[in-house]
C-alpha cells in the first residue's frame, strides 16, 4: 500500500512501470483509430497500461489503458485492493457523533484526519510551467476513436465549473469534441453537475467560466467519474482517497482552481444558450450516440507541464477501461448503499450490462415483498435511478458468480408473478428507450418465495452432498489420480 499519494499522472505511470504494468510503444501510431484498436485488444487480453511515445504527427506522448485492470485500479487509489478502500469508507460512515467528554477526546484524531483531506491553494504548479495565451488545441494528440465518430474527442477530461450563486465546485468527466483550434463541444447530460451549473448561468444570462484539466493524481480522475451526492466536492473526495488534500492552483484567465499536478489545462468559458451539433461518438453502450446540440466551450488559455503526457481513454463494446472505473464504484459505494439499505448484502453491476442496464443484488430477506421494497429504494438512489433491470436474490446467493445467478434466476421466478415494470428516468444514451432519457424499467424478485407472498406449495431442498462424504473424498482425491 502506498503511503505517499501520487501528485501527478507521471508519478503513477512510473509506479506502474516499476511493477511491470506499463508498456512503452516506440513505433509511430496514429491517434486516429490506430490507438483505439491497440488499446481495445490490450484491455480485452488483460494487458498493461500503454504509453505511446511517438504519436504520428504529434510530439506529445499519449497514455492509455491506465485503469484497465483491477490491480491498476487499486494501485491508482494507493491501496492493496478496492475492498480495502471500501472498508475505510465504511469506517468513516460508522463514525457516530461523540456524546461524552471521553468520546469527544477519542474522536479528535479521526476528525483531524478528515480535516486534512481538504484541498489547499498553491502559487506555483507544474501544470503552469508553460503558458500559451494564443492556444491551438489541435496541436494536442486528441483521439478519433471509431470510424463514424464526428471527429477527434478529448476523452478523459476533468471539467471544473462553479455554481454562480453558491460558488460550489463540480468536477465531471464529459467528452469534448474538438471543433477547431479554440472551441470544443461539452457533452454533459441533464442530470450532471456541470449541466446544472450551466442551466443556472443560462437562467441568469451569464457567461460561465470553466477549466478542463488533463491528468493529475489518478484519484482525482476517478473522483470525477464517481456518483457522489449532489453538491459533494469531488476534490474533497479525491483528498480522502489519496489521504491528503489536493493542491490546487488558480487559472490564469478564469476564476477557477485546477489540480496543480495536471499535465495540461484548458481555460475558457461557455456562452449561455450557444449550442452546436456534436457527435456521433462510439459510446460505452457499444453503439454510437447520435448527433445532438450541446454547449460550446471556448478556450482562452492553455497551460501545461514543460514535458506533458496526454491522457486518453476509449469506450465502446465492453470490456473497456471504463469498466474497471465502474467496478471500483460498485465496490467503493456499496457501503453508502448499505447505509440506506442495511439489508443489502452484495451488489454486482456486470460489465456486459454497461453499468446502468443490469444490477444484481442479494439481500437479507425479512418479510414478504422485501425484494420489491429494495428494487424501488434502489431506483430512488442517485444514479441507480437509471438502472434498467434490477434482480434481487437471497443473501446466500453469490451475485458475483454469473453461473449461479442464471441458475437461481431460472429456478426462482414465476415471470408473471415476480416481474415488475415501472416507468422512470433512463440513461440519455439508452437508444432503445421510447424517448430520450425516459422509459420502462424491470424488477425481478428472484428470492425464495414465502407463504406470505401467496406461495402455498412446498419449496424443495437444493441438491447437495453431505459434508461427511465431501470430506471423505477430499482425503482420497490425490490418490484417485483424477
Protein backbone atom coordinates (compact mmCIF):
# COMPACT_ATOMS: atom_id res chain seq x y z
CA UNK A 1 0.00 0.00 0.00
CA UNK A 2 1.32 3.44 -0.93
CA UNK A 3 1.87 5.87 1.99
CA UNK A 4 2.51 8.98 -0.12
CA UNK A 5 -0.12 10.00 -2.70
CA UNK A 6 0.72 10.44 -6.34
CA UNK A 7 0.98 14.11 -7.20
CA UNK A 8 0.86 13.67 -10.97
CA UNK A 9 -0.15 11.20 -13.64
CA UNK A 10 3.53 10.73 -14.44
CA UNK A 11 4.18 9.62 -10.83
CA UNK A 12 1.57 6.91 -11.33
CA UNK A 13 3.00 5.84 -14.70
CA UNK A 14 6.46 5.50 -13.13
CA UNK A 15 4.93 3.31 -10.42
CA UNK A 16 3.18 1.13 -12.99
CA UNK A 17 6.39 0.73 -14.97
CA UNK A 18 8.27 -0.32 -11.82
CA UNK A 19 5.83 -3.21 -11.23
CA UNK A 20 5.66 -4.32 -14.86
CA UNK A 21 2.22 -2.82 -15.55
CA UNK A 22 3.25 -0.34 -18.27
CA UNK A 23 4.29 -0.97 -21.87
CA UNK A 24 6.10 1.73 -23.85
CA UNK A 25 5.32 1.76 -27.58
CA UNK A 26 8.08 3.42 -29.58
CA UNK A 27 6.68 2.82 -33.08
CA UNK A 28 4.73 5.73 -34.61
CA UNK A 29 0.99 5.11 -34.07
CA UNK A 30 -1.82 7.40 -35.18
CA UNK A 31 -4.35 8.79 -32.66
CA UNK A 32 -6.91 8.35 -35.46
CA UNK A 33 -8.33 4.83 -34.99
CA UNK A 34 -4.97 3.04 -34.60
CA UNK A 35 -4.51 3.76 -30.88
CA UNK A 36 -8.09 2.65 -30.25
CA UNK A 37 -7.53 -0.71 -31.93
CA UNK A 38 -4.35 -1.31 -29.93
CA UNK A 39 -5.92 -0.27 -26.62
CA UNK A 40 -9.05 -2.33 -27.35
CA UNK A 41 -7.07 -5.51 -27.97
CA UNK A 42 -4.89 -4.84 -24.92
CA UNK A 43 -7.71 -4.40 -22.42
CA UNK A 44 -9.57 -7.46 -23.76
CA UNK A 45 -6.46 -9.56 -23.19
CA UNK A 46 -5.87 -8.17 -19.69
CA UNK A 47 -2.79 -6.32 -20.87
CA UNK A 48 -0.79 -3.42 -19.39
CA UNK A 49 -1.14 0.34 -19.44
CA UNK A 50 0.17 1.83 -22.67
CA UNK A 51 2.45 4.79 -23.30
CA UNK A 52 2.57 5.76 -26.98
CA UNK A 53 5.87 7.62 -27.14
CA UNK A 54 5.59 8.73 -30.77
CA UNK A 55 2.01 9.57 -31.79
CA UNK A 56 2.08 10.02 -35.55
CA UNK A 57 2.10 13.74 -36.34
CA UNK A 58 2.49 14.89 -32.72
CA UNK A 59 5.33 15.40 -30.26
CA UNK A 60 3.44 14.66 -27.03
CA UNK A 61 3.23 11.06 -25.68
CA UNK A 62 -0.21 9.53 -25.04
CA UNK A 63 -1.09 7.35 -22.04
CA UNK A 64 -3.98 4.87 -22.35
CA UNK A 65 -5.46 1.89 -20.50
CA UNK A 66 -4.05 3.28 -17.27
CA UNK A 67 -7.01 1.98 -15.20
CA UNK A 68 -7.55 -1.14 -17.30
CA UNK A 69 -7.26 -3.89 -14.65
CA UNK A 70 -8.41 -4.46 -11.04
CA UNK A 71 -4.81 -4.30 -9.87
CA UNK A 72 -4.10 -0.97 -11.58
CA UNK A 73 -7.40 0.45 -10.35
CA UNK A 74 -6.41 -0.37 -6.75
CA UNK A 75 -2.90 0.98 -7.37
CA UNK A 76 -4.43 4.21 -8.67
CA UNK A 77 -6.08 4.71 -5.28
CA UNK A 78 -2.92 3.76 -3.37
CA UNK A 79 -4.47 0.59 -1.97
CA UNK A 80 -3.83 -3.14 -1.99
CA UNK A 81 -7.41 -3.77 -3.08
CA UNK A 82 -10.65 -1.94 -3.72
CA UNK A 83 -12.18 -3.80 -0.78
CA UNK A 84 -9.62 -2.12 1.50
CA UNK A 85 -10.74 1.32 0.29
CA UNK A 86 -14.39 0.32 0.74
CA UNK A 87 -13.64 -0.72 4.31
CA UNK A 88 -12.14 2.71 5.02
CA UNK A 89 -15.26 4.36 3.64
CA UNK A 90 -17.39 2.13 5.87
CA UNK A 91 -15.31 3.11 8.91
CA UNK A 92 -15.80 6.81 8.20
CA UNK A 93 -19.53 6.32 7.70
CA UNK A 94 -19.77 4.49 11.02
CA UNK A 95 -18.41 7.45 12.99
CA UNK A 96 -21.13 8.37 15.46
CA UNK A 97 -21.30 11.89 16.98
CA UNK A 98 -19.46 11.76 20.33
CA UNK A 99 -21.60 12.32 23.40
CA UNK A 100 -19.33 12.10 26.46
CA UNK A 101 -16.15 14.08 27.06
CA UNK A 102 -14.02 10.93 26.68
CA UNK A 103 -15.70 10.06 23.38
CA UNK A 104 -15.02 13.58 22.11
CA UNK A 105 -11.36 13.28 23.06
CA UNK A 106 -11.09 9.91 21.31
CA UNK A 107 -12.70 11.40 18.17
CA UNK A 108 -10.15 14.22 17.82
CA UNK A 109 -7.54 12.20 15.84
CA UNK A 110 -10.20 10.89 13.46
CA UNK A 111 -11.74 14.31 12.91
CA UNK A 112 -8.30 15.85 12.38
CA UNK A 113 -7.57 13.19 9.77
CA UNK A 114 -10.78 14.04 7.90
CA UNK A 115 -9.93 17.76 8.01
CA UNK A 116 -6.57 17.04 6.39
CA UNK A 117 -8.33 15.88 3.22
CA UNK A 118 -9.43 19.42 2.27
CA UNK A 119 -7.70 20.97 -0.75
CA UNK A 120 -5.26 23.86 -0.45
CA UNK A 121 -4.11 26.54 -2.87
CA UNK A 122 -0.52 26.84 -4.09
CA UNK A 123 1.12 29.64 -6.06
CA UNK A 124 3.42 27.55 -8.26
CA UNK A 125 2.35 24.45 -10.13
CA UNK A 126 3.79 22.09 -12.72
CA UNK A 127 0.63 22.49 -14.80
CA UNK A 128 1.64 26.13 -15.43
CA UNK A 129 5.28 25.62 -16.38
CA UNK A 130 4.31 26.67 -19.90
CA UNK A 131 1.56 29.23 -20.61
CA UNK A 132 0.08 29.56 -24.12
CA UNK A 133 -2.04 32.70 -24.36
CA UNK A 134 -2.71 32.03 -28.07
CA UNK A 135 -3.56 28.34 -27.82
CA UNK A 136 -4.16 25.92 -30.65
CA UNK A 137 -5.64 22.79 -29.12
CA UNK A 138 -5.50 20.93 -32.45
CA UNK A 139 -1.76 20.50 -31.74
CA UNK A 140 -2.67 18.05 -28.97
CA UNK A 141 -2.96 14.34 -29.92
CA UNK A 142 -6.72 14.01 -29.43
CA UNK A 143 -8.18 10.63 -30.35
CA UNK A 144 -10.58 9.83 -33.13
CA UNK A 145 -11.70 6.52 -31.66
CA UNK A 146 -14.18 4.90 -34.06
CA UNK A 147 -14.85 5.11 -37.81
CA UNK A 148 -18.15 7.04 -37.55
CA UNK A 149 -17.04 9.48 -34.83
CA UNK A 150 -17.79 13.11 -35.65
CA UNK A 151 -14.11 14.00 -35.22
CA UNK A 152 -11.39 13.92 -32.58
CA UNK A 153 -12.50 13.98 -28.93
CA UNK A 154 -10.98 14.74 -25.56
CA UNK A 155 -11.97 11.54 -23.77
CA UNK A 156 -10.52 11.86 -20.24
CA UNK A 157 -11.13 15.50 -19.22
CA UNK A 158 -11.72 16.83 -15.72
CA UNK A 159 -14.26 19.59 -16.38
CA UNK A 160 -14.35 22.06 -13.48
CA UNK A 161 -17.22 24.53 -13.07
CA UNK A 162 -18.75 26.63 -10.28
CA UNK A 163 -22.34 27.44 -9.32
CA UNK A 164 -22.98 31.16 -10.00
CA UNK A 165 -24.67 31.76 -6.62
CA UNK A 166 -23.17 29.34 -4.10
CA UNK A 167 -19.73 29.06 -5.71
CA UNK A 168 -19.93 25.30 -5.20
CA UNK A 169 -17.47 23.38 -7.34
CA UNK A 170 -18.19 20.45 -9.62
CA UNK A 171 -15.65 18.20 -11.32
CA UNK A 172 -17.13 15.98 -14.00
CA UNK A 173 -15.93 13.91 -16.92
CA UNK A 174 -17.74 14.83 -20.14
CA UNK A 175 -16.48 14.06 -23.60
CA UNK A 176 -15.44 17.09 -25.66
CA UNK A 177 -15.43 17.05 -29.46
CA UNK A 178 -12.64 19.24 -30.82
CA UNK A 179 -14.17 21.59 -33.38
CA UNK A 180 -11.17 23.80 -34.16
CA UNK A 181 -8.15 25.49 -32.56
CA UNK A 182 -10.21 27.28 -29.88
CA UNK A 183 -13.57 25.53 -29.47
CA UNK A 184 -14.94 22.15 -28.39
CA UNK A 185 -18.29 20.65 -27.59
CA UNK A 186 -19.31 19.97 -24.00
CA UNK A 187 -21.36 16.77 -23.91
CA UNK A 188 -22.93 16.69 -20.46
CA UNK A 189 -26.23 15.02 -19.66
CA UNK A 190 -29.04 16.93 -17.90
CA UNK A 191 -28.54 15.23 -14.51
CA UNK A 192 -24.83 16.04 -14.30
CA UNK A 193 -23.41 18.72 -12.01
CA UNK A 194 -21.76 20.69 -14.80
CA UNK A 195 -25.04 20.79 -16.73
CA UNK A 196 -26.87 22.09 -13.64
CA UNK A 197 -24.30 24.89 -13.28
CA UNK A 198 -24.71 25.75 -16.97
CA UNK A 199 -28.50 25.87 -16.73
CA UNK A 200 -28.26 28.31 -13.85
CA UNK A 201 -25.89 30.53 -15.84
CA UNK A 202 -28.31 30.41 -18.78
CA UNK A 203 -31.18 31.40 -16.47
CA UNK A 204 -29.15 34.38 -15.27
CA UNK A 205 -27.91 35.23 -18.77
CA UNK A 206 -24.30 34.99 -17.57
CA UNK A 207 -21.21 33.60 -19.31
CA UNK A 208 -19.94 30.53 -17.46
CA UNK A 209 -16.22 30.16 -16.80
CA UNK A 210 -14.79 26.64 -16.87
CA UNK A 211 -11.48 24.85 -16.87
CA UNK A 212 -10.51 21.43 -18.18
CA UNK A 213 -7.65 19.56 -16.55
CA UNK A 214 -5.99 16.62 -18.28
CA UNK A 215 -4.12 14.28 -15.97
CA UNK A 216 -3.18 14.67 -12.33
CA UNK A 217 -3.31 12.23 -9.44
CA UNK A 218 -5.36 9.23 -10.66
CA UNK A 219 -7.52 9.56 -7.52
CA UNK A 220 -8.78 12.88 -8.91
CA UNK A 221 -9.51 11.29 -12.28
CA UNK A 222 -11.53 8.56 -10.58
CA UNK A 223 -13.35 11.06 -8.34
CA UNK A 224 -14.60 12.91 -11.43
CA UNK A 225 -16.42 9.72 -12.50
CA UNK A 226 -17.83 8.84 -9.08
CA UNK A 227 -21.61 9.12 -8.44
CA UNK A 228 -21.24 11.45 -5.46
CA UNK A 229 -24.21 13.03 -3.69
CA UNK A 230 -25.33 16.37 -5.09
CA UNK A 231 -23.07 19.28 -4.05
CA UNK A 232 -20.40 16.95 -2.63
CA UNK A 233 -16.99 18.24 -3.72
CA UNK A 234 -15.13 15.73 -5.92
CA UNK A 235 -11.79 17.31 -4.95
CA UNK A 236 -12.54 16.66 -1.27
CA UNK A 237 -13.44 13.05 -2.11
CA UNK A 238 -10.14 12.74 -4.00
CA UNK A 239 -8.37 14.07 -0.90
CA UNK A 240 -9.98 11.31 1.15
CA UNK A 241 -8.91 8.68 -1.38
CA UNK A 242 -5.30 9.94 -1.51
CA UNK A 243 -5.13 10.57 2.28
CA UNK A 244 -4.00 14.14 1.69
CA UNK A 245 -5.64 17.30 0.41
CA UNK A 246 -5.26 18.05 -3.29
CA UNK A 247 -3.03 21.04 -4.09
CA UNK A 248 -4.91 23.43 -6.37
CA UNK A 249 -3.77 26.45 -8.37
CA UNK A 250 -5.78 29.36 -9.74
CA UNK A 251 -6.10 29.56 -13.52
CA UNK A 252 -4.53 32.45 -15.43
CA UNK A 253 -7.64 33.74 -17.26
CA UNK A 254 -10.65 32.40 -15.33
CA UNK A 255 -11.60 32.34 -11.65
CA UNK A 256 -11.33 28.56 -11.35
CA UNK A 257 -8.84 26.43 -9.44
CA UNK A 258 -7.40 23.28 -11.04
CA UNK A 259 -5.26 20.41 -9.70
CA UNK A 260 -1.69 21.68 -9.55
CA UNK A 261 -0.35 18.33 -10.77
CA UNK A 262 -2.31 18.27 -14.04
CA UNK A 263 -0.46 17.65 -17.29
CA UNK A 264 -2.47 20.15 -19.36
CA UNK A 265 -5.15 22.72 -18.51
CA UNK A 266 -7.59 24.35 -20.93
CA UNK A 267 -9.12 27.55 -19.55
CA UNK A 268 -12.20 29.11 -21.06
CA UNK A 269 -15.92 29.79 -20.97
CA UNK A 270 -19.35 28.81 -22.27
CA UNK A 271 -21.80 31.44 -23.54
CA UNK A 272 -25.39 30.95 -22.35
CA UNK A 273 -27.58 29.37 -25.00
CA UNK A 274 -24.80 28.81 -27.57
CA UNK A 275 -25.20 25.28 -28.95
CA UNK A 276 -23.52 23.38 -31.75
CA UNK A 277 -24.01 19.97 -33.35
CA UNK A 278 -21.82 17.35 -31.66
CA UNK A 279 -21.26 13.66 -32.46
CA UNK A 280 -21.70 10.91 -33.42
CA UNK A 281 -19.49 9.14 -30.88
CA UNK A 282 -18.79 5.45 -30.32
CA UNK A 283 -20.07 5.21 -26.76
CA UNK A 284 -19.80 2.90 -23.75
CA UNK A 285 -23.08 1.23 -24.72
CA UNK A 286 -21.26 -0.34 -27.66
CA UNK A 287 -23.36 1.75 -30.06
CA UNK A 288 -22.84 5.21 -31.49
CA UNK A 289 -24.56 8.01 -29.63
CA UNK A 290 -26.14 10.17 -32.32
CA UNK A 291 -25.62 13.80 -33.23
CA UNK A 292 -27.10 16.38 -30.89
CA UNK A 293 -26.99 20.02 -29.88
CA UNK A 294 -24.61 20.74 -27.00
CA UNK A 295 -22.92 23.79 -25.41
CA UNK A 296 -19.69 25.16 -26.85
CA UNK A 297 -16.51 25.57 -24.79
CA UNK A 298 -14.23 28.44 -25.87
CA UNK A 299 -10.55 28.10 -24.94
CA UNK A 300 -8.90 31.32 -23.72
CA UNK A 301 -5.59 29.91 -22.50
CA UNK A 302 -3.64 26.66 -22.38
CA UNK A 303 -1.17 25.87 -19.62
CA UNK A 304 0.87 22.70 -19.30
CA UNK A 305 3.90 20.95 -17.95
CA UNK A 306 7.09 21.51 -19.88
CA UNK A 307 7.03 17.85 -20.96
CA UNK A 308 3.43 16.67 -20.57
CA UNK A 309 1.84 13.31 -21.27
CA UNK A 310 -1.63 13.40 -22.84
CA UNK A 311 -4.09 11.08 -21.04
CA UNK A 312 -6.83 9.39 -23.08
CA UNK A 313 -9.28 6.54 -22.89
CA UNK A 314 -11.69 4.77 -25.19
CA UNK A 315 -15.21 3.44 -24.69
CA UNK A 316 -17.22 1.02 -26.78
CA UNK A 317 -18.38 -2.61 -26.59
CA UNK A 318 -17.31 -3.96 -23.17
CA UNK A 319 -14.88 -4.65 -21.73
CA UNK A 320 -13.06 -1.33 -21.90
CA UNK A 321 -11.05 0.67 -19.40
CA UNK A 322 -14.18 2.42 -18.10
CA UNK A 323 -15.48 -0.95 -16.90
CA UNK A 324 -12.76 -1.03 -14.24
CA UNK A 325 -13.62 2.50 -13.14
CA UNK A 326 -17.24 1.37 -12.83
CA UNK A 327 -16.28 -1.73 -10.89
CA UNK A 328 -14.37 0.49 -8.48
CA UNK A 329 -17.55 2.50 -7.97
CA UNK A 330 -19.50 -0.71 -7.36
CA UNK A 331 -17.14 -1.71 -4.54
CA UNK A 332 -16.50 1.74 -3.05
CA UNK A 333 -20.12 2.86 -2.97
CA UNK A 334 -21.58 -0.37 -1.59
CA UNK A 335 -21.06 0.94 1.99
CA UNK A 336 -23.06 4.06 1.07
CA UNK A 337 -25.88 1.94 -0.31
CA UNK A 338 -25.87 -0.14 2.87
CA UNK A 339 -26.36 2.99 4.93
CA UNK A 340 -29.67 3.45 3.14
CA UNK A 341 -30.44 -0.27 2.81
CA UNK A 342 -28.89 -2.24 5.71
CA UNK A 343 -30.40 -5.46 4.34
CA UNK A 344 -28.18 -5.21 1.24
CA UNK A 345 -25.53 -7.96 1.23
CA UNK A 346 -23.79 -7.53 -2.13
CA UNK A 347 -24.11 -5.82 -5.50
CA UNK A 348 -22.87 -6.76 -8.94
CA UNK A 349 -23.07 -4.42 -11.93
CA UNK A 350 -21.91 -6.80 -14.69
CA UNK A 351 -19.53 -5.34 -17.22
CA UNK A 352 -21.74 -6.56 -20.05
CA UNK A 353 -24.63 -4.64 -18.52
CA UNK A 354 -22.69 -1.39 -19.13
CA UNK A 355 -23.24 -0.25 -15.51
CA UNK A 356 -26.81 1.03 -15.82
CA UNK A 357 -28.59 -1.75 -17.72
CA UNK A 358 -28.38 -4.51 -15.09
CA UNK A 359 -27.90 -4.69 -11.33
CA UNK A 360 -27.76 -7.96 -9.38
CA UNK A 361 -28.27 -7.62 -5.62
CA UNK A 362 -28.50 -10.00 -2.69
CA UNK A 363 -30.44 -9.15 0.47
CA UNK A 364 -31.28 -10.49 3.91
CA UNK A 365 -34.94 -11.05 3.22
CA UNK A 366 -37.04 -10.28 6.30
CA UNK A 367 -40.68 -10.05 5.21
CA UNK A 368 -43.00 -10.69 2.25
CA UNK A 369 -42.41 -8.25 -0.59
CA UNK A 370 -38.99 -7.24 0.74
CA UNK A 371 -37.37 -7.70 -2.68
CA UNK A 372 -39.81 -5.22 -4.22
CA UNK A 373 -39.06 -2.68 -1.49
CA UNK A 374 -35.34 -2.95 -2.33
CA UNK A 375 -35.93 -2.51 -6.07
CA UNK A 376 -37.88 0.71 -5.60
CA UNK A 377 -35.45 2.01 -2.97
CA UNK A 378 -32.50 1.50 -5.35
CA UNK A 379 -34.34 3.28 -8.16
CA UNK A 380 -34.65 6.22 -5.78
CA UNK A 381 -30.91 6.48 -5.04
CA UNK A 382 -28.86 8.82 -7.24
CA UNK A 383 -27.62 7.28 -10.46
CA UNK A 384 -29.22 3.93 -9.57
CA UNK A 385 -32.33 5.63 -10.96
CA UNK A 386 -31.04 4.81 -14.46
CA UNK A 387 -30.78 1.06 -13.82
CA UNK A 388 -32.96 -0.66 -16.41
CA UNK A 389 -33.10 -4.12 -14.78
CA UNK A 390 -32.71 -4.97 -11.08
CA UNK A 391 -32.67 -8.62 -9.98
CA UNK A 392 -32.92 -9.40 -6.25
CA UNK A 393 -31.59 -12.65 -4.74
CA UNK A 394 -31.39 -14.15 -1.25
CA UNK A 395 -28.35 -13.43 0.90
CA UNK A 396 -26.62 -16.79 0.33
CA UNK A 397 -26.52 -16.29 -3.45
CA UNK A 398 -23.15 -15.19 -4.82
CA UNK A 399 -24.19 -12.44 -7.23
CA UNK A 400 -20.61 -12.21 -8.49
CA UNK A 401 -20.91 -15.74 -9.95
CA UNK A 402 -22.89 -15.42 -13.18
CA UNK A 403 -23.38 -19.18 -13.47
CA UNK A 404 -25.07 -19.27 -10.09
CA UNK A 405 -27.04 -16.11 -10.91
CA UNK A 406 -28.53 -17.60 -14.08
CA UNK A 407 -29.23 -20.93 -12.34
CA UNK A 408 -31.06 -19.23 -9.48
CA UNK A 409 -32.89 -16.85 -11.81
CA UNK A 410 -34.30 -19.66 -13.89
CA UNK A 411 -35.35 -21.68 -10.83
CA UNK A 412 -36.75 -18.97 -8.56
CA UNK A 413 -39.22 -16.96 -10.62
CA UNK A 414 -42.71 -17.25 -11.97
CA UNK A 415 -42.42 -14.50 -14.61
CA UNK A 416 -45.95 -13.14 -14.34
CA UNK A 417 -45.84 -13.04 -10.55
CA UNK A 418 -42.23 -11.94 -9.95
CA UNK A 419 -41.52 -9.36 -12.64
CA UNK A 420 -42.46 -5.72 -12.05
CA UNK A 421 -42.44 -2.92 -14.62
CA UNK A 422 -42.17 0.76 -13.71
CA UNK A 423 -41.68 3.99 -15.64
CA UNK A 424 -38.96 6.49 -14.91
CA UNK A 425 -35.73 8.20 -16.00
CA UNK A 426 -33.18 6.26 -18.02
CA UNK A 427 -29.67 6.99 -19.20
CA UNK A 428 -29.81 9.52 -22.03
CA UNK A 429 -27.69 7.14 -24.15
CA UNK A 430 -30.28 4.33 -23.97
CA UNK A 431 -31.21 4.16 -27.65
CA UNK A 432 -33.92 1.52 -27.04
CA UNK A 433 -35.99 3.74 -24.73
CA UNK A 434 -39.29 5.06 -26.10
CA UNK A 435 -37.91 8.58 -25.83
CA UNK A 436 -34.52 10.01 -24.78
CA UNK A 437 -33.96 9.66 -21.05
CA UNK A 438 -37.36 8.15 -20.18
CA UNK A 439 -38.90 4.69 -20.39
CA UNK A 440 -39.69 1.47 -18.61
CA UNK A 441 -37.60 -0.45 -16.08
CA UNK A 442 -37.90 -4.01 -14.84
CA UNK A 443 -37.50 -5.52 -11.39
CA UNK A 444 -37.24 -9.28 -10.86
CA UNK A 445 -37.79 -10.93 -7.49
CA UNK A 446 -35.53 -13.99 -7.63
CA UNK A 447 -35.71 -14.68 -3.90
CA UNK A 448 -37.22 -17.83 -2.45
CA UNK A 449 -40.96 -17.23 -2.14
CA UNK A 450 -42.72 -17.20 1.23
CA UNK A 451 -46.28 -18.22 2.17
CA UNK A 452 -46.97 -14.57 2.95
CA UNK A 453 -46.32 -13.83 -0.72
CA UNK A 454 -49.07 -16.23 -1.79
CA UNK A 455 -46.77 -19.21 -2.33
CA UNK A 456 -48.58 -22.20 -0.83
CA UNK A 457 -46.56 -25.03 -2.37
CA UNK A 458 -43.61 -26.74 -0.71
CA UNK A 459 -40.24 -25.22 -1.72
CA UNK A 460 -37.88 -28.12 -2.44
CA UNK A 461 -34.43 -28.57 -0.93
CA UNK A 462 -31.36 -27.98 -3.08
CA UNK A 463 -29.38 -30.99 -4.24
CA UNK A 464 -26.22 -31.12 -2.12
CA UNK A 465 -23.78 -33.79 -1.00
CA UNK A 466 -23.31 -34.37 2.73
CA UNK A 467 -20.28 -32.70 4.35
CA UNK A 468 -19.07 -36.11 5.60
CA UNK A 469 -18.86 -37.55 2.09
CA UNK A 470 -17.21 -34.38 0.77
CA UNK A 471 -14.52 -34.60 3.47
CA UNK A 472 -14.03 -38.33 2.80
CA UNK A 473 -13.47 -37.77 -0.92
CA UNK A 474 -11.23 -34.75 -0.19
CA UNK A 475 -8.93 -37.07 1.75
CA UNK A 476 -8.86 -39.59 -1.12
CA UNK A 477 -8.65 -37.14 -4.01
CA UNK A 478 -4.88 -37.12 -4.52
CA UNK A 479 -4.75 -40.91 -4.54
CA UNK A 480 -7.52 -41.27 -7.14
CA UNK A 481 -5.32 -39.94 -9.93
CA UNK A 482 -8.09 -37.75 -11.35
